[in-house]
PDB file of N, CA and C in Angstrom:
ATOM      1  N   MET A   1     -88.589 185.771 -78.533  1.00  0.00           N
ATOM      2  CA  MET A   1     -89.688 184.672 -78.602  1.00  0.00           C
ATOM      3  C   MET A   1     -89.192 183.667 -77.586  1.00  0.00           C
ATOM      4  N   PRO A   2     -90.044 183.322 -76.632  1.00  0.00           N
ATOM      5  CA  PRO A   2     -89.833 182.210 -75.655  1.00  0.00           C
ATOM      6  C   PRO A   2     -89.864 180.776 -76.286  1.00  0.00           C
ATOM      7  N   ILE A   3     -88.908 180.157 -75.842  1.00  0.00           N
ATOM      8  CA  ILE A   3     -88.996 178.495 -76.572  1.00  0.00           C
ATOM      9  C   ILE A   3     -89.983 178.074 -76.073  1.00  0.00           C
ATOM     10  N   ASP A   4     -90.665 177.202 -77.290  1.00  0.00           N
ATOM     11  CA  ASP A   4     -91.893 176.302 -76.613  1.00  0.00           C
ATOM     12  C   ASP A   4     -91.624 175.041 -76.650  1.00  0.00           C
ATOM     13  N   ILE A   5     -91.452 174.548 -74.858  1.00  0.00           N
ATOM     14  CA  ILE A   5     -90.464 173.156 -74.842  1.00  0.00           C
ATOM     15  C   ILE A   5     -91.656 172.190 -75.467  1.00  0.00           C
ATOM     16  N   GLU A   6     -93.087 172.525 -75.393  1.00  0.00           N
ATOM     17  CA  GLU A   6     -93.894 171.333 -75.785  1.00  0.00           C
ATOM     18  C   GLU A   6     -93.757 171.139 -77.314  1.00  0.00           C
ATOM     19  N   HIS A   7     -93.128 171.835 -78.152  1.00  0.00           N
ATOM     20  CA  HIS A   7     -93.209 171.742 -79.470  1.00  0.00           C
ATOM     21  C   HIS A   7     -91.993 171.454 -80.356  1.00  0.00           C
ATOM     22  N   GLU A   8     -91.145 171.841 -79.610  1.00  0.00           N
ATOM     23  CA  GLU A   8     -89.761 171.979 -80.033  1.00  0.00           C
ATOM     24  C   GLU A   8     -88.907 170.806 -79.402  1.00  0.00           C
ATOM     25  N   GLN A   9     -87.654 170.779 -80.259  1.00  0.00           N
ATOM     26  CA  GLN A   9     -86.785 169.432 -79.547  1.00  0.00           C
ATOM     27  C   GLN A   9     -85.750 170.255 -79.013  1.00  0.00           C
ATOM     28  N   LEU A  10     -85.408 170.102 -77.665  1.00  0.00           N
ATOM     29  CA  LEU A  10     -84.384 170.707 -77.020  1.00  0.00           C
ATOM     30  C   LEU A  10     -83.154 170.002 -77.157  1.00  0.00           C
ATOM     31  N   VAL A  11     -82.086 170.910 -77.610  1.00  0.00           N
ATOM     32  CA  VAL A  11     -80.557 170.237 -77.841  1.00  0.00           C
ATOM     33  C   VAL A  11     -79.643 170.793 -77.112  1.00  0.00           C
ATOM     34  N   SER A  12     -78.553 170.400 -76.494  1.00  0.00           N
ATOM     35  CA  SER A  12     -77.559 170.843 -75.797  1.00  0.00           C
ATOM     36  C   SER A  12     -76.743 171.570 -76.266  1.00  0.00           C
ATOM     37  N   LEU A  13     -76.010 172.500 -75.800  1.00  0.00           N
ATOM     38  CA  LEU A  13     -75.270 173.563 -76.660  1.00  0.00           C
ATOM     39  C   LEU A  13     -74.314 172.806 -77.018  1.00  0.00           C
ATOM     40  N   ALA A  14     -73.613 171.691 -76.317  1.00  0.00           N
ATOM     41  CA  ALA A  14     -72.503 170.960 -77.189  1.00  0.00           C
ATOM     42  C   ALA A  14     -72.915 170.441 -78.630  1.00  0.00           C
ATOM     43  N   PHE A  15     -74.167 169.814 -78.244  1.00  0.00           N
ATOM     44  CA  PHE A  15     -74.633 169.160 -79.669  1.00  0.00           C
ATOM     45  C   PHE A  15     -74.708 170.076 -80.869  1.00  0.00           C
ATOM     46  N   ALA A  16     -75.527 171.508 -80.367  1.00  0.00           N
ATOM     47  CA  ALA A  16     -75.602 172.478 -81.163  1.00  0.00           C
ATOM     48  C   ALA A  16     -74.521 173.327 -81.971  1.00  0.00           C
ATOM     49  N   ARG A  17     -73.272 173.272 -80.903  1.00  0.00           N
ATOM     50  CA  ARG A  17     -72.294 173.926 -81.443  1.00  0.00           C
ATOM     51  C   ARG A  17     -71.497 173.176 -82.282  1.00  0.00           C
ATOM     52  N   LYS A  18     -71.603 171.589 -82.278  1.00  0.00           N
ATOM     53  CA  LYS A  18     -71.015 170.732 -83.381  1.00  0.00           C
ATOM     54  C   LYS A  18     -71.644 170.492 -84.544  1.00  0.00           C
ATOM     55  N   ASN A  19     -73.111 170.371 -84.236  1.00  0.00           N
ATOM     56  CA  ASN A  19     -73.780 169.976 -85.450  1.00  0.00           C
ATOM     57  C   ASN A  19     -74.675 170.836 -86.269  1.00  0.00           C
ATOM     58  N   ILE A  20     -75.254 171.966 -85.643  1.00  0.00           N
ATOM     59  CA  ILE A  20     -76.334 172.970 -86.089  1.00  0.00           C
ATOM     60  C   ILE A  20     -75.614 174.376 -86.345  1.00  0.00           C
ATOM     61  N   ILE A  21     -74.825 174.897 -85.712  1.00  0.00           N
ATOM     62  CA  ILE A  21     -74.197 176.321 -85.757  1.00  0.00           C
ATOM     63  C   ILE A  21     -73.228 175.823 -87.195  1.00  0.00           C
ATOM     64  N   PRO A  22     -73.191 176.905 -87.782  1.00  0.00           N
ATOM     65  CA  PRO A  22     -72.475 176.576 -89.106  1.00  0.00           C
ATOM     66  C   PRO A  22     -70.890 176.894 -88.631  1.00  0.00           C
ATOM     67  N   LYS A  23     -70.018 176.062 -89.176  1.00  0.00           N
ATOM     68  CA  LYS A  23     -68.770 176.433 -88.888  1.00  0.00           C
ATOM     69  C   LYS A  23     -68.066 177.607 -89.533  1.00  0.00           C
ATOM     70  N   VAL A  24     -67.226 177.974 -89.160  1.00  0.00           N
ATOM     71  CA  VAL A  24     -66.338 179.505 -89.537  1.00  0.00           C
ATOM     72  C   VAL A  24     -65.066 179.186 -89.899  1.00  0.00           C
ATOM     73  N   GLY A  25     -64.598 179.420 -91.096  1.00  0.00           N
ATOM     74  CA  GLY A  25     -63.112 178.744 -91.319  1.00  0.00           C
ATOM     75  C   GLY A  25     -62.988 177.419 -91.093  1.00  0.00           C
ATOM     76  N   GLY A  26     -63.878 176.446 -91.147  1.00  0.00           N
ATOM     77  CA  GLY A  26     -63.721 175.222 -90.810  1.00  0.00           C
ATOM     78  C   GLY A  26     -63.779 174.764 -89.400  1.00  0.00           C
ATOM     79  N   ARG A  27     -63.809 175.720 -88.642  1.00  0.00           N
ATOM     80  CA  ARG A  27     -63.945 175.314 -87.140  1.00  0.00           C
ATOM     81  C   ARG A  27     -65.254 175.590 -86.334  1.00  0.00           C
ATOM     82  N   THR A  28     -65.785 175.035 -85.430  1.00  0.00           N
ATOM     83  CA  THR A  28     -66.917 175.182 -84.880  1.00  0.00           C
ATOM     84  C   THR A  28     -66.460 176.346 -83.844  1.00  0.00           C
ATOM     85  N   VAL A  29     -67.516 176.942 -83.510  1.00  0.00           N
ATOM     86  CA  VAL A  29     -67.844 178.215 -82.464  1.00  0.00           C
ATOM     87  C   VAL A  29     -67.216 177.522 -81.319  1.00  0.00           C
ATOM     88  N   SER A  30     -66.752 178.547 -80.446  1.00  0.00           N
ATOM     89  CA  SER A  30     -66.267 177.865 -79.241  1.00  0.00           C
ATOM     90  C   SER A  30     -67.225 177.920 -78.166  1.00  0.00           C
ATOM     91  N   SER A  31     -67.111 177.104 -77.148  1.00  0.00           N
ATOM     92  CA  SER A  31     -68.058 177.170 -75.782  1.00  0.00           C
ATOM     93  C   SER A  31     -68.332 178.613 -75.297  1.00  0.00           C
ATOM     94  N   CYS A  32     -67.159 179.145 -75.030  1.00  0.00           N
ATOM     95  CA  CYS A  32     -67.231 180.600 -74.759  1.00  0.00           C
ATOM     96  C   CYS A  32     -67.842 181.807 -75.605  1.00  0.00           C
ATOM     97  N   THR A  33     -67.906 181.239 -76.778  1.00  0.00           N
ATOM     98  CA  THR A  33     -68.670 182.247 -77.885  1.00  0.00           C
ATOM     99  C   THR A  33     -70.191 181.782 -77.623  1.00  0.00           C
ATOM    100  N   LEU A  34     -70.787 180.614 -77.343  1.00  0.00           N
ATOM    101  CA  LEU A  34     -72.012 180.384 -77.135  1.00  0.00           C
ATOM    102  C   LEU A  34     -72.377 181.074 -75.867  1.00  0.00           C
ATOM    103  N   TRP A  35     -71.751 180.928 -74.662  1.00  0.00           N
ATOM    104  CA  TRP A  35     -72.185 181.824 -73.320  1.00  0.00           C
ATOM    105  C   TRP A  35     -72.143 183.100 -73.607  1.00  0.00           C
ATOM    106  N   ARG A  36     -71.144 183.922 -74.425  1.00  0.00           N
ATOM    107  CA  ARG A  36     -71.432 185.135 -74.603  1.00  0.00           C
ATOM    108  C   ARG A  36     -72.843 185.439 -75.510  1.00  0.00           C
ATOM    109  N   TRP A  37     -73.148 184.471 -76.392  1.00  0.00           N
ATOM    110  CA  TRP A  37     -74.497 184.658 -77.376  1.00  0.00           C
ATOM    111  C   TRP A  37     -75.628 184.611 -76.263  1.00  0.00           C
ATOM    112  N   ILE A  38     -75.405 183.945 -75.312  1.00  0.00           N
ATOM    113  CA  ILE A  38     -76.624 183.652 -74.243  1.00  0.00           C
ATOM    114  C   ILE A  38     -76.645 184.704 -73.244  1.00  0.00           C
ATOM    115  N   HIS A  39     -75.439 185.042 -72.542  1.00  0.00           N
ATOM    116  CA  HIS A  39     -75.446 186.112 -71.636  1.00  0.00           C
ATOM    117  C   HIS A  39     -75.350 187.419 -72.007  1.00  0.00           C
ATOM    118  N   ARG A  40     -74.282 187.688 -72.906  1.00  0.00           N
ATOM    119  CA  ARG A  40     -74.087 189.295 -73.403  1.00  0.00           C
ATOM    120  C   ARG A  40     -75.127 189.363 -74.401  1.00  0.00           C
ATOM    121  N   GLY A  41     -75.064 188.363 -75.394  1.00  0.00           N
ATOM    122  CA  GLY A  41     -75.707 188.667 -76.793  1.00  0.00           C
ATOM    123  C   GLY A  41     -74.396 189.425 -77.807  1.00  0.00           C
ATOM    124  N   LEU A  42     -75.098 189.781 -78.572  1.00  0.00           N
ATOM    125  CA  LEU A  42     -74.476 190.384 -79.566  1.00  0.00           C
ATOM    126  C   LEU A  42     -75.016 191.877 -80.031  1.00  0.00           C
ATOM    127  N   LEU A  43     -74.250 192.940 -80.094  1.00  0.00           N
ATOM    128  CA  LEU A  43     -74.585 194.170 -80.216  1.00  0.00           C
ATOM    129  C   LEU A  43     -75.143 194.752 -81.729  1.00  0.00           C
ATOM    130  N   THR A  44     -76.190 195.083 -82.241  1.00  0.00           N
ATOM    131  CA  THR A  44     -76.403 195.517 -83.389  1.00  0.00           C
ATOM    132  C   THR A  44     -75.927 196.635 -84.000  1.00  0.00           C
ATOM    133  N   PRO A  45     -75.981 197.132 -84.918  1.00  0.00           N
ATOM    134  CA  PRO A  45     -75.718 198.301 -85.459  1.00  0.00           C
ATOM    135  C   PRO A  45     -76.425 199.457 -84.921  1.00  0.00           C
ATOM    136  N   ASP A  46     -77.874 199.053 -84.580  1.00  0.00           N
ATOM    137  CA  ASP A  46     -78.808 200.142 -84.192  1.00  0.00           C
ATOM    138  C   ASP A  46     -78.718 200.074 -82.392  1.00  0.00           C
ATOM    139  N   GLY A  47     -77.776 199.560 -81.959  1.00  0.00           N
ATOM    140  CA  GLY A  47     -77.686 199.581 -80.591  1.00  0.00           C
ATOM    141  C   GLY A  47     -78.378 198.434 -79.573  1.00  0.00           C
ATOM    142  N   LYS A  48     -79.235 197.629 -80.481  1.00  0.00           N
ATOM    143  CA  LYS A  48     -80.049 196.535 -79.748  1.00  0.00           C
ATOM    144  C   LYS A  48     -79.228 195.237 -79.393  1.00  0.00           C
ATOM    145  N   ARG A  49     -79.718 194.509 -78.459  1.00  0.00           N
ATOM    146  CA  ARG A  49     -78.876 193.446 -78.167  1.00  0.00           C
ATOM    147  C   ARG A  49     -79.780 192.062 -78.556  1.00  0.00           C
ATOM    148  N   VAL A  50     -79.007 191.143 -79.103  1.00  0.00           N
ATOM    149  CA  VAL A  50     -79.658 190.063 -79.573  1.00  0.00           C
ATOM    150  C   VAL A  50     -78.916 188.911 -79.107  1.00  0.00           C
ATOM    151  N   ARG A  51     -79.887 187.970 -78.154  1.00  0.00           N
ATOM    152  CA  ARG A  51     -79.197 186.961 -77.428  1.00  0.00           C
ATOM    153  C   ARG A  51     -79.823 185.747 -77.737  1.00  0.00           C
ATOM    154  N   LEU A  52     -78.860 184.534 -77.831  1.00  0.00           N
ATOM    155  CA  LEU A  52     -79.323 183.330 -78.162  1.00  0.00           C
ATOM    156  C   LEU A  52     -80.322 183.064 -76.788  1.00  0.00           C
ATOM    157  N   GLU A  53     -81.389 182.465 -77.412  1.00  0.00           N
ATOM    158  CA  GLU A  53     -82.388 181.770 -76.214  1.00  0.00           C
ATOM    159  C   GLU A  53     -82.093 180.490 -75.804  1.00  0.00           C
ATOM    160  N   VAL A  54     -81.906 180.357 -74.423  1.00  0.00           N
ATOM    161  CA  VAL A  54     -81.753 178.860 -73.982  1.00  0.00           C
ATOM    162  C   VAL A  54     -82.851 178.480 -72.697  1.00  0.00           C
ATOM    163  N   LEU A  55     -82.999 177.358 -72.571  1.00  0.00           N
ATOM    164  CA  LEU A  55     -84.060 176.877 -71.520  1.00  0.00           C
ATOM    165  C   LEU A  55     -83.234 176.004 -70.538  1.00  0.00           C
ATOM    166  N   TYR A  56     -83.054 175.797 -69.226  1.00  0.00           N
ATOM    167  CA  TYR A  56     -82.275 175.172 -68.119  1.00  0.00           C
ATOM    168  C   TYR A  56     -83.283 173.821 -68.122  1.00  0.00           C
ATOM    169  N   ARG A  57     -82.780 172.538 -68.166  1.00  0.00           N
ATOM    170  CA  ARG A  57     -83.226 171.484 -67.788  1.00  0.00           C
ATOM    171  C   ARG A  57     -82.232 170.794 -66.569  1.00  0.00           C
ATOM    172  N   GLY A  58     -82.513 171.254 -65.429  1.00  0.00           N
ATOM    173  CA  GLY A  58     -81.835 170.999 -64.536  1.00  0.00           C
ATOM    174  C   GLY A  58     -80.730 172.204 -64.818  1.00  0.00           C
ATOM    175  N   ASN A  59     -79.730 171.467 -64.513  1.00  0.00           N
ATOM    176  CA  ASN A  59     -78.437 172.774 -64.525  1.00  0.00           C
ATOM    177  C   ASN A  59     -77.809 172.759 -66.000  1.00  0.00           C
ATOM    178  N   VAL A  60     -78.615 172.049 -66.749  1.00  0.00           N
ATOM    179  CA  VAL A  60     -78.066 171.782 -68.181  1.00  0.00           C
ATOM    180  C   VAL A  60     -78.893 172.994 -69.099  1.00  0.00           C
ATOM    181  N   PRO A  61     -78.069 173.769 -70.052  1.00  0.00           N
ATOM    182  CA  PRO A  61     -78.801 174.624 -70.633  1.00  0.00           C
ATOM    183  C   PRO A  61     -78.846 173.905 -72.160  1.00  0.00           C
ATOM    184  N   MET A  62     -80.076 174.192 -72.635  1.00  0.00           N
ATOM    185  CA  MET A  62     -80.507 173.833 -73.862  1.00  0.00           C
ATOM    186  C   MET A  62     -80.922 174.660 -74.800  1.00  0.00           C
ATOM    187  N   THR A  63     -81.028 174.464 -76.109  1.00  0.00           N
ATOM    188  CA  THR A  63     -81.438 175.386 -77.096  1.00  0.00           C
ATOM    189  C   THR A  63     -82.499 174.545 -78.015  1.00  0.00           C
ATOM    190  N   THR A  64     -82.896 175.201 -78.984  1.00  0.00           N
ATOM    191  CA  THR A  64     -83.484 174.736 -79.985  1.00  0.00           C
ATOM    192  C   THR A  64     -82.919 175.099 -81.615  1.00  0.00           C
ATOM    193  N   ILE A  65     -83.350 174.170 -82.434  1.00  0.00           N
ATOM    194  CA  ILE A  65     -82.601 174.581 -83.862  1.00  0.00           C
ATOM    195  C   ILE A  65     -83.737 175.952 -84.156  1.00  0.00           C
ATOM    196  N   ARG A  66     -84.655 176.299 -83.813  1.00  0.00           N
ATOM    197  CA  ARG A  66     -85.638 177.534 -84.073  1.00  0.00           C
ATOM    198  C   ARG A  66     -84.958 178.680 -83.123  1.00  0.00           C
ATOM    199  N   ALA A  67     -84.786 178.226 -82.190  1.00  0.00           N
ATOM    200  CA  ALA A  67     -84.106 179.581 -81.635  1.00  0.00           C
ATOM    201  C   ALA A  67     -82.625 179.965 -82.031  1.00  0.00           C
ATOM    202  N   ILE A  68     -81.695 179.157 -82.537  1.00  0.00           N
ATOM    203  CA  ILE A  68     -80.625 179.469 -83.440  1.00  0.00           C
ATOM    204  C   ILE A  68     -80.805 180.067 -84.572  1.00  0.00           C
ATOM    205  N   ALA A  69     -81.915 179.892 -85.351  1.00  0.00           N
ATOM    206  CA  ALA A  69     -82.119 180.028 -86.491  1.00  0.00           C
ATOM    207  C   ALA A  69     -82.649 181.565 -86.236  1.00  0.00           C
ATOM    208  N   ALA A  70     -83.494 181.960 -85.156  1.00  0.00           N
ATOM    209  CA  ALA A  70     -84.129 183.247 -84.979  1.00  0.00           C
ATOM    210  C   ALA A  70     -82.847 184.114 -84.501  1.00  0.00           C
ATOM    211  N   PHE A  71     -81.998 183.751 -83.833  1.00  0.00           N
ATOM    212  CA  PHE A  71     -80.761 184.628 -83.435  1.00  0.00           C
ATOM    213  C   PHE A  71     -80.156 184.872 -84.503  1.00  0.00           C
ATOM    214  N   PHE A  72     -79.602 184.104 -85.619  1.00  0.00           N
ATOM    215  CA  PHE A  72     -79.132 184.499 -86.548  1.00  0.00           C
ATOM    216  C   PHE A  72     -79.737 185.374 -87.579  1.00  0.00           C
ATOM    217  N   ALA A  73     -81.221 185.020 -87.953  1.00  0.00           N
ATOM    218  CA  ALA A  73     -81.836 185.952 -88.382  1.00  0.00           C
ATOM    219  C   ALA A  73     -82.099 187.506 -87.917  1.00  0.00           C
ATOM    220  N   ALA A  74     -82.174 187.623 -87.025  1.00  0.00           N
ATOM    221  CA  ALA A  74     -82.378 188.954 -85.951  1.00  0.00           C
ATOM    222  C   ALA A  74     -81.079 189.434 -86.165  1.00  0.00           C
ATOM    223  N   LEU A  75     -79.914 188.878 -86.071  1.00  0.00           N
ATOM    224  CA  LEU A  75     -78.800 189.697 -86.656  1.00  0.00           C
ATOM    225  C   LEU A  75     -78.657 190.065 -87.898  1.00  0.00           C
ATOM    226  N   THR A  76     -79.257 189.266 -88.838  1.00  0.00           N
ATOM    227  CA  THR A  76     -79.112 189.432 -90.385  1.00  0.00           C
ATOM    228  C   THR A  76     -79.837 190.347 -90.362  1.00  0.00           C
ATOM    229  N   GLU A  77     -81.088 190.373 -90.053  1.00  0.00           N
ATOM    230  CA  GLU A  77     -82.183 191.738 -90.313  1.00  0.00           C
ATOM    231  C   GLU A  77     -81.325 193.226 -89.754  1.00  0.00           C
ATOM    232  N   ALA A  78     -80.879 192.913 -88.748  1.00  0.00           N
ATOM    233  CA  ALA A  78     -80.204 194.202 -88.214  1.00  0.00           C
ATOM    234  C   ALA A  78     -79.277 194.493 -89.208  1.00  0.00           C
ATOM    235  N   LYS A  79     -78.466 193.871 -89.710  1.00  0.00           N
ATOM    236  CA  LYS A  79     -77.298 194.220 -90.472  1.00  0.00           C
ATOM    237  C   LYS A  79     -77.935 194.734 -91.834  1.00  0.00           C
ATOM    238  N   LEU A  80     -79.023 193.910 -92.104  1.00  0.00           N
ATOM    239  CA  LEU A  80     -79.375 194.848 -93.611  1.00  0.00           C
ATOM    240  C   LEU A  80     -80.288 196.024 -93.672  1.00  0.00           C
ATOM    241  N   GLU A  81     -80.723 196.061 -92.209  1.00  0.00           N
ATOM    242  CA  GLU A  81     -81.510 197.362 -92.115  1.00  0.00           C
ATOM    243  C   GLU A  81     -80.407 198.188 -92.232  1.00  0.00           C
ATOM    244  N   ASN A  82     -79.337 198.143 -91.075  1.00  0.00           N
ATOM    245  CA  ASN A  82     -78.455 199.306 -91.255  1.00  0.00           C
ATOM    246  C   ASN A  82     -77.690 199.556 -92.609  1.00  0.00           C
ATOM    247  N   ARG A  83     -77.837 198.353 -93.292  1.00  0.00           N
ATOM    248  CA  ARG A  83     -76.616 199.061 -94.739  1.00  0.00           C
ATOM    249  C   ARG A  83     -77.924 199.695 -95.791  1.00  0.00           C
ATOM    250  N   VAL A  84     -79.018 199.604 -95.720  1.00  0.00           N
ATOM    251  CA  VAL A  84     -80.094 200.000 -96.438  1.00  0.00           C
ATOM    252  C   VAL A  84     -80.545 201.396 -95.961  1.00  0.00           C
ATOM    253  N   SER A  85     -80.201 201.813 -94.370  1.00  0.00           N
ATOM    254  CA  SER A  85     -80.310 203.066 -93.816  1.00  0.00           C
ATOM    255  C   SER A  85     -79.010 203.522 -94.141  1.00  0.00           C
ATOM    256  N   ASN A  86     -77.836 203.263 -94.267  1.00  0.00           N
ATOM    257  CA  ASN A  86     -76.610 203.761 -94.689  1.00  0.00           C
ATOM    258  C   ASN A  86     -76.744 204.311 -96.093  1.00  0.00           C
ATOM    259  N   GLU A  87     -77.067 203.278 -96.983  1.00  0.00           N
ATOM    260  CA  GLU A  87     -77.255 203.690 -98.220  1.00  0.00           C
ATOM    261  C   GLU A  87     -78.383 204.816 -98.864  1.00  0.00           C
ATOM    262  N   SER A  88     -79.393 204.773 -98.026  1.00  0.00           N
ATOM    263  CA  SER A  88     -80.530 205.977 -98.248  1.00  0.00           C
ATOM    264  C   SER A  88     -79.714 207.356 -97.532  1.00  0.00           C
ATOM    265  N   GLN A  89     -78.773 207.178 -96.714  1.00  0.00           N
ATOM    266  CA  GLN A  89     -78.254 208.677 -96.342  1.00  0.00           C
ATOM    267  C   GLN A  89     -77.197 209.169 -97.149  1.00  0.00           C
ATOM    268  N   ARG A  90     -76.520 207.846 -98.210  1.00  0.00           N
ATOM    269  CA  ARG A  90     -75.471 208.344 -98.932  1.00  0.00           C
ATOM    270  C   ARG A  90     -75.752 209.645-100.040  1.00  0.00           C
ATOM    271  N   PRO A  91     -75.187 210.194-100.020  1.00  0.00           N
ATOM    272  CA  PRO A  91     -75.557 211.453-101.073  1.00  0.00           C
ATOM    273  C   PRO A  91     -75.238 210.622-102.700  1.00  0.00           C
ATOM    274  N   THR A  92     -76.365 211.066-103.509  1.00  0.00           N
ATOM    275  CA  THR A  92     -76.099 210.546-104.931  1.00  0.00           C
ATOM    276  C   THR A  92     -75.554 211.423-105.780  1.00  0.00           C
ATOM    277  N   ALA A  93     -74.998 210.854-106.952  1.00  0.00           N
ATOM    278  CA  ALA A  93     -74.282 212.004-108.069  1.00  0.00           C
ATOM    279  C   ALA A  93     -75.284 213.007-108.014  1.00  0.00           C
ATOM    280  N   MET A  94     -76.581 212.821-108.210  1.00  0.00           N
ATOM    281  CA  MET A  94     -77.616 213.889-108.612  1.00  0.00           C
ATOM    282  C   MET A  94     -77.478 214.996-107.381  1.00  0.00           C
ATOM    283  N   ASP A  95     -77.507 214.534-106.003  1.00  0.00           N
ATOM    284  CA  ASP A  95     -77.538 215.406-105.030  1.00  0.00           C
ATOM    285  C   ASP A  95     -76.175 216.207-104.960  1.00  0.00           C
ATOM    286  N   GLU A  96     -75.201 215.636-105.576  1.00  0.00           N
ATOM    287  CA  GLU A  96     -73.863 216.322-105.476  1.00  0.00           C
ATOM    288  C   GLU A  96     -74.067 217.552-106.542  1.00  0.00           C
ATOM    289  N   GLY A  97     -74.484 217.191-107.931  1.00  0.00           N
ATOM    290  CA  GLY A  97     -74.468 217.938-108.726  1.00  0.00           C
ATOM    291  C   GLY A  97     -75.692 219.369-108.408  1.00  0.00           C
ATOM    292  N   LEU A  98     -76.753 218.884-107.828  1.00  0.00           N
ATOM    293  CA  LEU A  98     -77.662 219.914-107.384  1.00  0.00           C
ATOM    294  C   LEU A  98     -77.213 220.903-106.640  1.00  0.00           C
ATOM    295  N   ARG A  99     -76.396 220.290-105.376  1.00  0.00           N
ATOM    296  CA  ARG A  99     -75.652 220.964-104.443  1.00  0.00           C
ATOM    297  C   ARG A  99     -74.575 221.755-105.084  1.00  0.00           C
ATOM    298  N   SER A 100     -73.688 221.626-106.076  1.00  0.00           N
ATOM    299  CA  SER A 100     -72.958 222.326-106.631  1.00  0.00           C
ATOM    300  C   SER A 100     -73.468 223.489-107.349  1.00  0.00           C
ATOM    301  N   GLU A 101     -74.841 223.474-107.941  1.00  0.00           N
ATOM    302  CA  GLU A 101     -75.538 224.386-108.535  1.00  0.00           C
ATOM    303  C   GLU A 101     -76.173 225.347-107.449  1.00  0.00           C
ATOM    304  N   GLY A 102     -75.953 224.998-106.422  1.00  0.00           N
ATOM    305  CA  GLY A 102     -76.677 225.743-105.543  1.00  0.00           C
ATOM    306  C   GLY A 102     -78.301 225.630-105.211  1.00  0.00           C
ATOM    307  N   LEU A 103     -78.785 224.489-105.658  1.00  0.00           N
ATOM    308  CA  LEU A 103     -80.010 224.075-105.476  1.00  0.00           C
ATOM    309  C   LEU A 103     -80.655 223.386-104.352  1.00  0.00           C
ATOM    310  N   LEU A 104     -79.371 222.552-103.868  1.00  0.00           N
ATOM    311  CA  LEU A 104     -79.585 221.910-102.627  1.00  0.00           C
ATOM    312  C   LEU A 104     -78.703 222.638-101.415  1.00  0.00           C
ATOM    313  N   PRO A 105     -79.214 222.196 -99.913  1.00  0.00           N
ATOM    314  CA  PRO A 105     -78.472 222.992 -99.165  1.00  0.00           C
ATOM    315  C   PRO A 105     -77.071 222.219 -98.664  1.00  0.00           C
TER     316      PRO A 105
END
């Protein structure tokens, strides 16, 4: 989803890194991590790439709180979908019992 510059407040990556993005283990994410999120993105379990959206104001990359939230939401959704998919493919005790009786392939 493109950043709507008319309705959202742009923040610098430095500000976002220090004040918006949650700290991990008491430490802020590095600048390099933000650049990776923007340029390469993160690969989800289903093979899609999720990137942090930015907009350049001159030579300065900017983002929004909504773009950061959307980035983390997309990653979370992909991980949860993968977990549900894996759980639904896992054989249950009943499946194993039916297989042992020759009732399932």
